[in-house]
Amino acid sequence: MFRPLDPLLHSELRLAVMSLLIGVDEADFTYIREHTGATAGNLSVQVDKLEKAGYIAVEKTFRGKRPQTICRVTDTGLKAFEDYVEALKSYIPQR
């Protein structure tokens, strides 16, 4: 039986953002945009969805006079990602 997949993480860009953030303590918006190849507008919408779900924490600061957005995976996000990976495994035939 297939386990249901978290629809929030089943989006290619949101999954890419979570995958990047899992491997680092934090990442700024520019880093995420460059590594996902997403447009700033699309990435902004997807980051907002992940934040509203509690999967990531977003901190808006300034570096000098430039605005900076820092993202981190939350414990909730880490658990959701782990659950997603486990559910995905149910789609792979066992030999």
Protein backbone atom coordinates (compact mmCIF):
# COMPACT_ATOMS: atom_id res chain seq x y z
CA MET A 1 0.00 0.00 0.00
CA PHE A 2 1.29 3.42 -0.90
CA ARG A 3 1.65 5.93 1.90
CA PRO A 4 0.30 9.43 1.17
CA LEU A 5 2.89 12.05 0.20
CA ASP A 6 2.89 15.45 1.87
CA PRO A 7 1.49 17.73 -0.87
CA LEU A 8 3.47 20.67 0.47
CA LEU A 9 6.75 18.83 -0.05
CA HIS A 10 5.66 17.16 -3.28
CA SER A 11 6.29 20.41 -5.18
CA GLU A 12 9.65 20.33 -7.00
CA LEU A 13 10.78 23.77 -5.80
CA ARG A 14 9.63 23.36 -2.19
CA LEU A 15 11.32 19.94 -2.07
CA ALA A 16 14.51 21.51 -3.48
CA VAL A 17 14.43 24.29 -0.86
CA MET A 18 13.96 21.78 1.96
CA SER A 19 16.72 19.54 0.57
CA LEU A 20 19.14 22.46 0.49
CA LEU A 21 18.25 23.62 3.98
CA ILE A 22 18.54 20.12 5.47
CA GLY A 23 22.26 20.15 4.61
CA VAL A 24 23.11 23.54 6.14
CA ASP A 25 22.43 25.40 9.37
CA GLU A 26 20.93 28.30 7.45
CA ALA A 27 20.92 29.79 3.97
CA ASP A 28 20.11 33.20 2.60
CA PHE A 29 17.53 33.78 -0.10
CA THR A 30 20.16 34.48 -2.78
CA TYR A 31 21.96 31.19 -2.08
CA ILE A 32 18.69 29.26 -2.33
CA ARG A 33 17.68 31.08 -5.53
CA GLU A 34 21.03 30.41 -7.18
CA HIS A 35 21.04 26.71 -6.24
CA THR A 36 17.44 26.05 -7.26
CA GLY A 37 17.43 28.16 -10.40
CA ALA A 38 14.10 29.65 -9.35
CA THR A 39 12.99 33.17 -10.03
CA ALA A 40 12.93 35.49 -7.02
CA GLY A 41 9.15 35.84 -7.23
CA ASN A 42 8.41 32.12 -7.40
CA LEU A 43 10.92 31.32 -4.66
CA SER A 44 9.42 34.00 -2.43
CA VAL A 45 5.96 32.43 -2.76
CA GLN A 46 7.27 28.92 -2.01
CA VAL A 47 9.35 30.07 0.98
CA ASP A 48 6.24 31.79 2.34
CA LYS A 49 4.24 28.54 2.04
CA LEU A 50 6.95 26.57 3.84
CA GLU A 51 7.13 29.19 6.58
CA LYS A 52 3.34 29.24 7.08
CA ALA A 53 3.39 25.44 7.43
CA GLY A 54 6.08 25.77 10.11
CA TYR A 55 8.61 23.82 8.03
CA ILE A 56 11.12 26.66 7.90
CA ALA A 57 11.88 29.76 9.94
CA VAL A 58 12.53 32.97 8.04
CA GLU A 59 14.47 35.88 9.49
CA LYS A 60 14.59 39.20 7.67
CA THR A 61 17.64 41.28 8.55
CA PHE A 62 20.05 43.70 6.93
CA ARG A 63 23.64 43.19 5.86
CA GLY A 64 24.85 46.76 5.85
CA LYS A 65 22.09 48.60 4.03
CA ARG A 66 20.96 45.59 2.01
CA PRO A 67 17.99 43.47 3.10
CA GLN A 68 18.78 39.83 3.75
CA THR A 69 16.42 36.89 4.21
CA ILE A 70 17.79 33.93 6.15
CA CYS A 71 16.01 30.55 6.14
CA ARG A 72 16.41 27.58 8.51
CA VAL A 73 14.65 24.23 8.73
CA THR A 74 12.56 23.82 11.88
CA ASP A 75 12.16 20.60 13.85
CA THR A 76 8.67 20.32 12.33
CA GLY A 77 10.14 20.70 8.84
CA LEU A 78 12.84 18.12 9.49
CA LYS A 79 10.23 15.61 10.71
CA ALA A 80 7.98 16.34 7.70
CA PHE A 81 10.93 15.83 5.34
CA GLU A 82 11.90 12.55 6.99
CA ASP A 83 8.28 11.36 6.84
CA TYR A 84 8.10 12.36 3.17
CA VAL A 85 11.22 10.33 2.35
CA GLU A 86 9.86 7.31 4.22
CA ALA A 87 6.51 7.59 2.42
CA LEU A 88 8.32 7.85 -0.91
CA LYS A 89 10.09 4.59 -0.16
CA SER A 90 6.70 2.84 -0.20
CA TYR A 91 6.54 3.59 -3.93
CA ILE A 92 9.76 1.67 -4.62
CA PRO A 93 9.25 -2.05 -5.18
CA GLN A 94 10.95 -4.25 -2.57
CA ARG A 95 12.86 -7.22 -3.95
